[in-house]
Protein backbone atom coordinates (compact mmCIF):
# COMPACT_ATOMS: atom_id res chain seq x y z
CA MET A 1 -24.60 17.12 63.34
CA ASN A 2 -26.21 14.32 65.34
CA ASN A 3 -27.05 11.23 63.40
CA GLU A 4 -30.23 10.17 64.92
CA LYS A 5 -32.15 12.85 64.99
CA LEU A 6 -30.86 13.73 60.83
CA SER A 7 -32.47 10.54 60.23
CA ARG A 8 -35.22 11.26 62.05
CA LEU A 9 -35.50 15.02 60.63
CA ASN A 10 -35.40 12.82 56.77
CA ASP A 11 -37.96 10.64 58.24
CA VAL A 12 -40.47 13.25 58.47
CA LEU A 13 -38.99 14.69 54.55
CA ALA A 14 -39.33 11.49 53.19
CA GLU A 15 -42.90 11.11 54.12
CA VAL A 16 -44.10 14.54 53.44
CA PHE A 17 -42.53 14.41 50.15
CA GLU A 18 -43.59 11.31 49.37
CA VAL A 19 -39.91 10.29 47.75
CA GLU A 20 -37.35 7.65 49.17
CA LYS A 21 -35.51 8.71 52.24
CA ASP A 22 -32.38 7.86 50.37
CA SER A 23 -33.35 10.29 47.21
CA ILE A 24 -32.62 13.09 50.11
CA SER A 25 -29.71 15.22 49.85
CA TYR A 26 -28.10 18.56 51.27
CA GLU A 27 -28.66 19.69 47.70
CA SER A 28 -32.28 18.52 47.35
CA ARG A 29 -34.64 21.62 46.13
CA PHE A 30 -37.96 21.58 47.74
CA VAL A 31 -39.84 22.96 44.36
CA GLU A 32 -37.80 21.06 41.64
CA ASP A 33 -36.76 17.35 43.81
CA LEU A 34 -39.74 17.66 46.28
CA ASN A 35 -42.65 19.34 44.46
CA ALA A 36 -42.98 21.30 47.66
CA ASN A 37 -46.79 22.69 47.84
CA SER A 38 -48.22 25.27 50.34
CA MET A 39 -50.18 22.54 51.96
CA LYS A 40 -47.11 20.56 52.43
CA ARG A 41 -45.20 23.42 53.59
CA VAL A 42 -48.26 23.52 56.47
CA VAL A 43 -47.84 19.32 57.01
CA ILE A 44 -43.80 20.11 57.50
CA ALA A 45 -43.85 22.93 59.58
CA ALA A 46 -46.42 20.99 61.59
CA GLU A 47 -44.23 18.12 61.54
CA LEU A 48 -41.21 19.82 62.62
CA GLU A 49 -42.43 21.58 65.39
CA VAL A 50 -43.51 18.04 66.63
CA LEU A 51 -39.90 16.47 66.07
CA SER A 52 -37.77 19.44 67.17
CA GLY A 53 -39.95 21.82 69.09
CA ILE A 54 -39.36 24.70 66.80
CA SER A 55 -41.59 26.92 65.23
CA PHE A 56 -41.92 26.92 62.00
CA THR A 57 -44.15 28.84 59.87
CA PRO A 58 -45.14 27.69 55.79
CA ALA A 59 -44.27 31.43 55.32
CA LYS A 60 -40.31 30.38 56.93
CA ILE A 61 -40.47 27.13 55.04
CA LYS A 62 -41.20 28.68 51.66
CA PHE A 63 -38.70 31.30 51.92
CA MET A 64 -36.19 28.11 51.73
CA LYS A 65 -34.52 26.85 48.69
CA THR A 66 -32.70 23.36 49.55
CA VAL A 67 -32.88 20.91 52.41
CA SER A 68 -29.34 22.65 53.10
CA GLU A 69 -31.23 25.45 54.23
CA LEU A 70 -33.58 23.43 56.57
CA TYR A 71 -30.73 21.79 58.55
CA THR A 72 -28.80 24.87 59.01
CA ALA A 73 -32.23 26.86 60.48
CA LEU A 74 -32.10 23.88 62.82
CA LYS A 75 -28.64 23.74 63.28
CA ASP A 76 -28.92 24.09 67.09
CA TRP A 77 -31.89 21.39 67.71
CA LEU A 78 -29.46 18.75 65.15
CA GLU A 79 -25.99 19.48 67.56
């Protein structure tokens, strides 16, 4: 994985979910740990598209339970 891209992705997640970057891990759960709601899903979808060029819908993110699932969806970009 490209550490610079992973770091930038985690910066975005930390900013949107208003948590410390160091608290985000592969096991972090969007709802339980990061307090994801529908508005934050819209924001993260837009931020991910700007960051990676990959189009995400809030609905697609809604079905992701963990940060690991997001990393998997961005695997090609993160390499």
